[in-house]
Amino acid sequence: MDGCFSAEEAVTVQRALRRSLGLGPEAFPLEAFVGMIGDEIEQFRAAGRSDAEIAETIRSSIGRDVSVADLRRLHTPRT
């Protein structure tokens, strides 16, 4: 094993630990959520993809809407 763990593995273990403690899913405010996916937002933009495509990918992945305006407000490109 190379000592690296995927985000999916971390989420799976977190869910199992929280479930074993009788806790519900962890929830994050919109600002934190957008921050968590910030690297991927930058990669999408660098690949020439629009913020509308990012918003649609979020919606189709989790069934929740994040507006283009919120993406632009909460995630500005790093310089």
PDB file of N, CA and C in Angstrom:
ATOM      1  N   MET A   1       0.847  -1.173   0.000  1.00  0.00           N
ATOM      2  CA  MET A   1       0.000   0.000   0.000  1.00  0.00           C
ATOM      3  C   MET A   1       0.889   1.231   0.000  1.00  0.00           C
ATOM      4  N   ASP A   2       0.480   2.253  -0.728  1.00  0.00           N
ATOM      5  CA  ASP A   2       1.332   3.425  -0.904  1.00  0.00           C
ATOM      6  C   ASP A   2       1.136   4.513   0.146  1.00  0.00           C
ATOM      7  N   GLY A   3       0.282   4.302   1.124  1.00  0.00           N
ATOM      8  CA  GLY A   3       0.087   5.292   2.169  1.00  0.00           C
ATOM      9  C   GLY A   3      -0.859   6.412   1.813  1.00  0.00           C
ATOM     10  N   CYS A   4      -1.408   6.410   0.618  1.00  0.00           N
ATOM     11  CA  CYS A   4      -2.371   7.428   0.198  1.00  0.00           C
ATOM     12  C   CYS A   4      -3.779   6.850   0.262  1.00  0.00           C
ATOM     13  N   PHE A   5      -4.707   7.693   0.603  1.00  0.00           N
ATOM     14  CA  PHE A   5      -6.102   7.284   0.680  1.00  0.00           C
ATOM     15  C   PHE A   5      -6.933   8.217  -0.178  1.00  0.00           C
ATOM     16  N   SER A   6      -7.925   7.675  -0.827  1.00  0.00           N
ATOM     17  CA  SER A   6      -8.792   8.490  -1.677  1.00  0.00           C
ATOM     18  C   SER A   6      -9.821   9.240  -0.830  1.00  0.00           C
ATOM     19  N   ALA A   7     -10.378  10.264  -1.404  1.00  0.00           N
ATOM     20  CA  ALA A   7     -11.450  11.008  -0.732  1.00  0.00           C
ATOM     21  C   ALA A   7     -12.626  10.079  -0.451  1.00  0.00           C
ATOM     22  N   GLU A   8     -12.915   9.174  -1.370  1.00  0.00           N
ATOM     23  CA  GLU A   8     -14.017   8.232  -1.176  1.00  0.00           C
ATOM     24  C   GLU A   8     -13.773   7.336   0.034  1.00  0.00           C
ATOM     25  N   GLU A   9     -12.523   6.890   0.207  1.00  0.00           N
ATOM     26  CA  GLU A   9     -12.203   6.065   1.366  1.00  0.00           C
ATOM     27  C   GLU A   9     -12.378   6.855   2.659  1.00  0.00           C
ATOM     28  N   ALA A  10     -11.943   8.103   2.665  1.00  0.00           N
ATOM     29  CA  ALA A  10     -12.101   8.944   3.859  1.00  0.00           C
ATOM     30  C   ALA A  10     -13.569   9.126   4.208  1.00  0.00           C
ATOM     31  N   VAL A  11     -14.394   9.381   3.193  1.00  0.00           N
ATOM     32  CA  VAL A  11     -15.830   9.575   3.429  1.00  0.00           C
ATOM     33  C   VAL A  11     -16.464   8.279   3.927  1.00  0.00           C
ATOM     34  N   THR A  12     -16.083   7.155   3.350  1.00  0.00           N
ATOM     35  CA  THR A  12     -16.629   5.864   3.766  1.00  0.00           C
ATOM     36  C   THR A  12     -16.314   5.582   5.229  1.00  0.00           C
ATOM     37  N   VAL A  13     -15.074   5.817   5.621  1.00  0.00           N
ATOM     38  CA  VAL A  13     -14.684   5.580   7.009  1.00  0.00           C
ATOM     39  C   VAL A  13     -15.372   6.577   7.938  1.00  0.00           C
ATOM     40  N   GLN A  14     -15.440   7.839   7.523  1.00  0.00           N
ATOM     41  CA  GLN A  14     -16.114   8.849   8.341  1.00  0.00           C
ATOM     42  C   GLN A  14     -17.568   8.448   8.579  1.00  0.00           C
ATOM     43  N   ARG A  15     -18.253   8.016   7.532  1.00  0.00           N
ATOM     44  CA  ARG A  15     -19.648   7.577   7.676  1.00  0.00           C
ATOM     45  C   ARG A  15     -19.757   6.414   8.661  1.00  0.00           C
ATOM     46  N   ALA A  16     -18.857   5.443   8.529  1.00  0.00           N
ATOM     47  CA  ALA A  16     -18.893   4.275   9.420  1.00  0.00           C
ATOM     48  C   ALA A  16     -18.651   4.685  10.870  1.00  0.00           C
ATOM     49  N   LEU A  17     -17.693   5.547  11.096  1.00  0.00           N
ATOM     50  CA  LEU A  17     -17.410   6.004  12.455  1.00  0.00           C
ATOM     51  C   LEU A  17     -18.586   6.785  13.030  1.00  0.00           C
ATOM     52  N   ARG A  18     -19.155   7.699  12.247  1.00  0.00           N
ATOM     53  CA  ARG A  18     -20.293   8.492  12.723  1.00  0.00           C
ATOM     54  C   ARG A  18     -21.498   7.590  12.995  1.00  0.00           C
ATOM     55  N   ARG A  19     -21.730   6.614  12.106  1.00  0.00           N
ATOM     56  CA  ARG A  19     -22.846   5.681  12.293  1.00  0.00           C
ATOM     57  C   ARG A  19     -22.657   4.876  13.570  1.00  0.00           C
ATOM     58  N   SER A  20     -21.437   4.413  13.815  1.00  0.00           N
ATOM     59  CA  SER A  20     -21.186   3.615  15.022  1.00  0.00           C
ATOM     60  C   SER A  20     -21.355   4.434  16.295  1.00  0.00           C
ATOM     61  N   LEU A  21     -21.241   5.742  16.185  1.00  0.00           N
ATOM     62  CA  LEU A  21     -21.454   6.635  17.326  1.00  0.00           C
ATOM     63  C   LEU A  21     -22.893   7.135  17.421  1.00  0.00           C
ATOM     64  N   GLY A  22     -23.733   6.722  16.474  1.00  0.00           N
ATOM     65  CA  GLY A  22     -25.123   7.161  16.459  1.00  0.00           C
ATOM     66  C   GLY A  22     -25.294   8.590  15.977  1.00  0.00           C
ATOM     67  N   LEU A  23     -24.310   9.091  15.243  1.00  0.00           N
ATOM     68  CA  LEU A  23     -24.375  10.451  14.713  1.00  0.00           C
ATOM     69  C   LEU A  23     -24.901  10.445  13.285  1.00  0.00           C
ATOM     70  N   GLY A  24     -25.553  11.506  12.914  1.00  0.00           N
ATOM     71  CA  GLY A  24     -26.009  11.662  11.528  1.00  0.00           C
ATOM     72  C   GLY A  24     -24.865  12.137  10.648  1.00  0.00           C
ATOM     73  N   PRO A  25     -25.157  12.325   9.378  1.00  0.00           N
ATOM     74  CA  PRO A  25     -24.132  12.794   8.451  1.00  0.00           C
ATOM     75  C   PRO A  25     -23.641  14.188   8.846  1.00  0.00           C
ATOM     76  N   GLU A  26     -22.377  14.412   8.613  1.00  0.00           N
ATOM     77  CA  GLU A  26     -21.810  15.737   8.846  1.00  0.00           C
ATOM     78  C   GLU A  26     -22.307  16.669   7.748  1.00  0.00           C
ATOM     79  N   ALA A  27     -22.624  17.892   8.099  1.00  0.00           N
ATOM     80  CA  ALA A  27     -23.121  18.863   7.130  1.00  0.00           C
ATOM     81  C   ALA A  27     -22.230  20.099   7.151  1.00  0.00           C
ATOM     82  N   PHE A  28     -22.093  20.712   6.003  1.00  0.00           N
ATOM     83  CA  PHE A  28     -21.233  21.876   5.845  1.00  0.00           C
ATOM     84  C   PHE A  28     -22.028  23.029   5.254  1.00  0.00           C
ATOM     85  N   PRO A  29     -21.757  24.252   5.690  1.00  0.00           N
ATOM     86  CA  PRO A  29     -22.394  25.402   5.052  1.00  0.00           C
ATOM     87  C   PRO A  29     -21.882  25.547   3.615  1.00  0.00           C
ATOM     88  N   LEU A  30     -22.636  26.253   2.807  1.00  0.00           N
ATOM     89  CA  LEU A  30     -22.295  26.417   1.392  1.00  0.00           C
ATOM     90  C   LEU A  30     -20.864  26.896   1.203  1.00  0.00           C
ATOM     91  N   GLU A  31     -20.428  27.866   1.991  1.00  0.00           N
ATOM     92  CA  GLU A  31     -19.079  28.411   1.846  1.00  0.00           C
ATOM     93  C   GLU A  31     -18.026  27.326   2.027  1.00  0.00           C
ATOM     94  N   ALA A  32     -18.195  26.477   3.028  1.00  0.00           N
ATOM     95  CA  ALA A  32     -17.238  25.400   3.281  1.00  0.00           C
ATOM     96  C   ALA A  32     -17.292  24.353   2.171  1.00  0.00           C
ATOM     97  N   PHE A  33     -18.501  24.036   1.711  1.00  0.00           N
ATOM     98  CA  PHE A  33     -18.660  23.062   0.639  1.00  0.00           C
ATOM     99  C   PHE A  33     -17.918  23.517  -0.614  1.00  0.00           C
ATOM    100  N   VAL A  34     -18.124  24.759  -1.010  1.00  0.00           N
ATOM    101  CA  VAL A  34     -17.446  25.275  -2.203  1.00  0.00           C
ATOM    102  C   VAL A  34     -15.934  25.275  -1.982  1.00  0.00           C
ATOM    103  N   GLY A  35     -15.500  25.598  -0.774  1.00  0.00           N
ATOM    104  CA  GLY A  35     -14.072  25.547  -0.473  1.00  0.00           C
ATOM    105  C   GLY A  35     -13.496  24.145  -0.603  1.00  0.00           C
ATOM    106  N   MET A  36     -14.278  23.153  -0.217  1.00  0.00           N
ATOM    107  CA  MET A  36     -13.823  21.763  -0.282  1.00  0.00           C
ATOM    108  C   MET A  36     -13.623  21.293  -1.719  1.00  0.00           C
ATOM    109  N   ILE A  37     -14.388  21.860  -2.638  1.00  0.00           N
ATOM    110  CA  ILE A  37     -14.264  21.448  -4.041  1.00  0.00           C
ATOM    111  C   ILE A  37     -13.515  22.497  -4.865  1.00  0.00           C
ATOM    112  N   GLY A  38     -12.832  23.391  -4.175  1.00  0.00           N
ATOM    113  CA  GLY A  38     -12.142  24.496  -4.838  1.00  0.00           C
ATOM    114  C   GLY A  38     -11.115  24.063  -5.869  1.00  0.00           C
ATOM    115  N   ASP A  39     -10.312  23.062  -5.558  1.00  0.00           N
ATOM    116  CA  ASP A  39      -9.304  22.607  -6.527  1.00  0.00           C
ATOM    117  C   ASP A  39      -9.963  22.112  -7.806  1.00  0.00           C
ATOM    118  N   GLU A  40     -11.059  21.395  -7.663  1.00  0.00           N
ATOM    119  CA  GLU A  40     -11.754  20.869  -8.836  1.00  0.00           C
ATOM    120  C   GLU A  40     -12.421  21.998  -9.627  1.00  0.00           C
ATOM    121  N   ILE A  41     -12.931  23.000  -8.941  1.00  0.00           N
ATOM    122  CA  ILE A  41     -13.504  24.158  -9.635  1.00  0.00           C
ATOM    123  C   ILE A  41     -12.421  24.810 -10.493  1.00  0.00           C
ATOM    124  N   GLU A  42     -11.242  24.993  -9.923  1.00  0.00           N
ATOM    125  CA  GLU A  42     -10.141  25.594 -10.683  1.00  0.00           C
ATOM    126  C   GLU A  42      -9.750  24.736 -11.877  1.00  0.00           C
ATOM    127  N   GLN A  43      -9.717  23.422 -11.696  1.00  0.00           N
ATOM    128  CA  GLN A  43      -9.367  22.533 -12.805  1.00  0.00           C
ATOM    129  C   GLN A  43     -10.418  22.598 -13.903  1.00  0.00           C
ATOM    130  N   PHE A  44     -11.695  22.651 -13.522  1.00  0.00           N
ATOM    131  CA  PHE A  44     -12.771  22.783 -14.510  1.00  0.00           C
ATOM    132  C   PHE A  44     -12.582  24.066 -15.307  1.00  0.00           C
ATOM    133  N   ARG A  45     -12.368  25.169 -14.601  1.00  0.00           N
ATOM    134  CA  ARG A  45     -12.197  26.465 -15.265  1.00  0.00           C
ATOM    135  C   ARG A  45     -10.968  26.448 -16.161  1.00  0.00           C
ATOM    136  N   ALA A  46      -9.863  25.866 -15.704  1.00  0.00           N
ATOM    137  CA  ALA A  46      -8.636  25.797 -16.504  1.00  0.00           C
ATOM    138  C   ALA A  46      -8.838  24.975 -17.771  1.00  0.00           C
ATOM    139  N   ALA A  47      -9.757  24.013 -17.706  1.00  0.00           N
ATOM    140  CA  ALA A  47     -10.061  23.179 -18.877  1.00  0.00           C
ATOM    141  C   ALA A  47     -11.051  23.859 -19.815  1.00  0.00           C
ATOM    142  N   GLY A  48     -11.403  25.113 -19.494  1.00  0.00           N
ATOM    143  CA  GLY A  48     -12.311  25.865 -20.361  1.00  0.00           C
ATOM    144  C   GLY A  48     -13.774  25.602 -20.101  1.00  0.00           C
ATOM    145  N   ARG A  49     -14.093  24.959 -18.996  1.00  0.00           N
ATOM    146  CA  ARG A  49     -15.481  24.651 -18.657  1.00  0.00           C
ATOM    147  C   ARG A  49     -16.090  25.838 -17.930  1.00  0.00           C
ATOM    148  N   SER A  50     -17.357  26.036 -18.103  1.00  0.00           N
ATOM    149  CA  SER A  50     -18.042  27.196 -17.525  1.00  0.00           C
ATOM    150  C   SER A  50     -18.522  26.924 -16.112  1.00  0.00           C
ATOM    151  N   ASP A  51     -18.796  28.003 -15.403  1.00  0.00           N
ATOM    152  CA  ASP A  51     -19.368  27.862 -14.070  1.00  0.00           C
ATOM    153  C   ASP A  51     -20.756  27.231 -14.141  1.00  0.00           C
ATOM    154  N   ALA A  52     -21.474  27.449 -15.235  1.00  0.00           N
ATOM    155  CA  ALA A  52     -22.776  26.793 -15.418  1.00  0.00           C
ATOM    156  C   ALA A  52     -22.597  25.276 -15.502  1.00  0.00           C
ATOM    157  N   GLU A  53     -21.536  24.829 -16.155  1.00  0.00           N
ATOM    158  CA  GLU A  53     -21.266  23.389 -16.219  1.00  0.00           C
ATOM    159  C   GLU A  53     -20.900  22.836 -14.847  1.00  0.00           C
ATOM    160  N   ILE A  54     -20.157  23.622 -14.076  1.00  0.00           N
ATOM    161  CA  ILE A  54     -19.809  23.189 -12.720  1.00  0.00           C
ATOM    162  C   ILE A  54     -21.086  23.051 -11.898  1.00  0.00           C
ATOM    163  N   ALA A  55     -21.948  24.059 -11.962  1.00  0.00           N
ATOM    164  CA  ALA A  55     -23.207  24.027 -11.206  1.00  0.00           C
ATOM    165  C   ALA A  55     -24.060  22.830 -11.624  1.00  0.00           C
ATOM    166  N   GLU A  56     -24.112  22.549 -12.909  1.00  0.00           N
ATOM    167  CA  GLU A  56     -24.893  21.397 -13.392  1.00  0.00           C
ATOM    168  C   GLU A  56     -24.278  20.078 -12.926  1.00  0.00           C
ATOM    169  N   THR A  57     -22.960  19.986 -12.892  1.00  0.00           N
ATOM    170  CA  THR A  57     -22.301  18.778 -12.409  1.00  0.00           C
ATOM    171  C   THR A  57     -22.617  18.554 -10.937  1.00  0.00           C
ATOM    172  N   ILE A  58     -22.614  19.627 -10.153  1.00  0.00           N
ATOM    173  CA  ILE A  58     -22.980  19.517  -8.740  1.00  0.00           C
ATOM    174  C   ILE A  58     -24.411  19.011  -8.626  1.00  0.00           C
ATOM    175  N   ARG A  59     -25.334  19.640  -9.365  1.00  0.00           N
ATOM    176  CA  ARG A  59     -26.745  19.265  -9.294  1.00  0.00           C
ATOM    177  C   ARG A  59     -26.952  17.817  -9.714  1.00  0.00           C
ATOM    178  N   SER A  60     -26.327  17.412 -10.795  1.00  0.00           N
ATOM    179  CA  SER A  60     -26.540  16.039 -11.270  1.00  0.00           C
ATOM    180  C   SER A  60     -25.856  15.011 -10.368  1.00  0.00           C
ATOM    181  N   SER A  61     -24.839  15.421  -9.638  1.00  0.00           N
ATOM    182  CA  SER A  61     -24.125  14.498  -8.751  1.00  0.00           C
ATOM    183  C   SER A  61     -24.837  14.279  -7.428  1.00  0.00           C
ATOM    184  N   ILE A  62     -25.364  15.370  -6.850  1.00  0.00           N
ATOM    185  CA  ILE A  62     -25.936  15.253  -5.506  1.00  0.00           C
ATOM    186  C   ILE A  62     -27.390  15.707  -5.419  1.00  0.00           C
ATOM    187  N   GLY A  63     -27.942  16.193  -6.529  1.00  0.00           N
ATOM    188  CA  GLY A  63     -29.341  16.601  -6.522  1.00  0.00           C
ATOM    189  C   GLY A  63     -29.610  17.898  -5.785  1.00  0.00           C
ATOM    190  N   ARG A  64     -28.573  18.689  -5.569  1.00  0.00           N
ATOM    191  CA  ARG A  64     -28.712  19.969  -4.886  1.00  0.00           C
ATOM    192  C   ARG A  64     -28.164  21.061  -5.781  1.00  0.00           C
ATOM    193  N   ASP A  65     -28.794  22.225  -5.709  1.00  0.00           N
ATOM    194  CA  ASP A  65     -28.369  23.341  -6.551  1.00  0.00           C
ATOM    195  C   ASP A  65     -27.385  24.249  -5.835  1.00  0.00           C
ATOM    196  N   VAL A  66     -26.342  24.612  -6.552  1.00  0.00           N
ATOM    197  CA  VAL A  66     -25.436  25.687  -6.168  1.00  0.00           C
ATOM    198  C   VAL A  66     -25.440  26.625  -7.356  1.00  0.00           C
ATOM    199  N   SER A  67     -25.815  27.865  -7.135  1.00  0.00           N
ATOM    200  CA  SER A  67     -25.956  28.789  -8.257  1.00  0.00           C
ATOM    201  C   SER A  67     -24.599  29.219  -8.806  1.00  0.00           C
ATOM    202  N   VAL A  68     -24.617  29.620 -10.065  1.00  0.00           N
ATOM    203  CA  VAL A  68     -23.423  30.165 -10.698  1.00  0.00           C
ATOM    204  C   VAL A  68     -22.952  31.392  -9.924  1.00  0.00           C
ATOM    205  N   ALA A  69     -23.895  32.220  -9.496  1.00  0.00           N
ATOM    206  CA  ALA A  69     -23.541  33.418  -8.725  1.00  0.00           C
ATOM    207  C   ALA A  69     -22.821  33.029  -7.430  1.00  0.00           C
ATOM    208  N   ASP A  70     -23.291  31.988  -6.757  1.00  0.00           N
ATOM    209  CA  ASP A  70     -22.630  31.541  -5.531  1.00  0.00           C
ATOM    210  C   ASP A  70     -21.233  30.992  -5.821  1.00  0.00           C
ATOM    211  N   LEU A  71     -21.087  30.241  -6.895  1.00  0.00           N
ATOM    212  CA  LEU A  71     -19.763  29.741  -7.260  1.00  0.00           C
ATOM    213  C   LEU A  71     -18.796  30.898  -7.482  1.00  0.00           C
ATOM    214  N   ARG A  72     -19.233  31.901  -8.207  1.00  0.00           N
ATOM    215  CA  ARG A  72     -18.370  33.057  -8.502  1.00  0.00           C
ATOM    216  C   ARG A  72     -18.071  33.866  -7.244  1.00  0.00           C
ATOM    217  N   ARG A  73     -19.055  33.999  -6.381  1.00  0.00           N
ATOM    218  CA  ARG A  73     -18.873  34.782  -5.152  1.00  0.00           C
ATOM    219  C   ARG A  73     -17.962  34.062  -4.168  1.00  0.00           C
ATOM    220  N   LEU A  74     -18.104  32.749  -4.074  1.00  0.00           N
ATOM    221  CA  LEU A  74     -17.408  31.994  -3.033  1.00  0.00           C
ATOM    222  C   LEU A  74     -16.055  31.419  -3.484  1.00  0.00           C
ATOM    223  N   HIS A  75     -15.845  31.347  -4.783  1.00  0.00           N
ATOM    224  CA  HIS A  75     -14.561  30.796  -5.244  1.00  0.00           C
ATOM    225  C   HIS A  75     -13.971  31.683  -6.327  1.00  0.00           C
ATOM    226  N   THR A  76     -13.044  32.502  -5.927  1.00  0.00           N
ATOM    227  CA  THR A  76     -12.338  33.330  -6.899  1.00  0.00           C
ATOM    228  C   THR A  76     -11.047  32.638  -7.273  1.00  0.00           C
ATOM    229  N   PRO A  77     -10.627  32.782  -8.510  1.00  0.00           N
ATOM    230  CA  PRO A  77      -9.403  32.099  -8.942  1.00  0.00           C
ATOM    231  C   PRO A  77      -8.205  32.520  -8.110  1.00  0.00           C
ATOM    232  N   ARG A  78      -7.329  31.565  -7.836  1.00  0.00           N
ATOM    233  CA  ARG A  78      -6.077  31.870  -7.148  1.00  0.00           C
ATOM    234  C   ARG A  78      -5.111  32.489  -8.136  1.00  0.00           C
ATOM    235  N   THR A  79      -4.380  33.446  -7.684  1.00  0.00           N
ATOM    236  CA  THR A  79      -3.404  34.084  -8.587  1.00  0.00           C
ATOM    237  C   THR A  79      -1.997  33.855  -8.132  1.00  0.00           C
TER     238      THR A  79
END
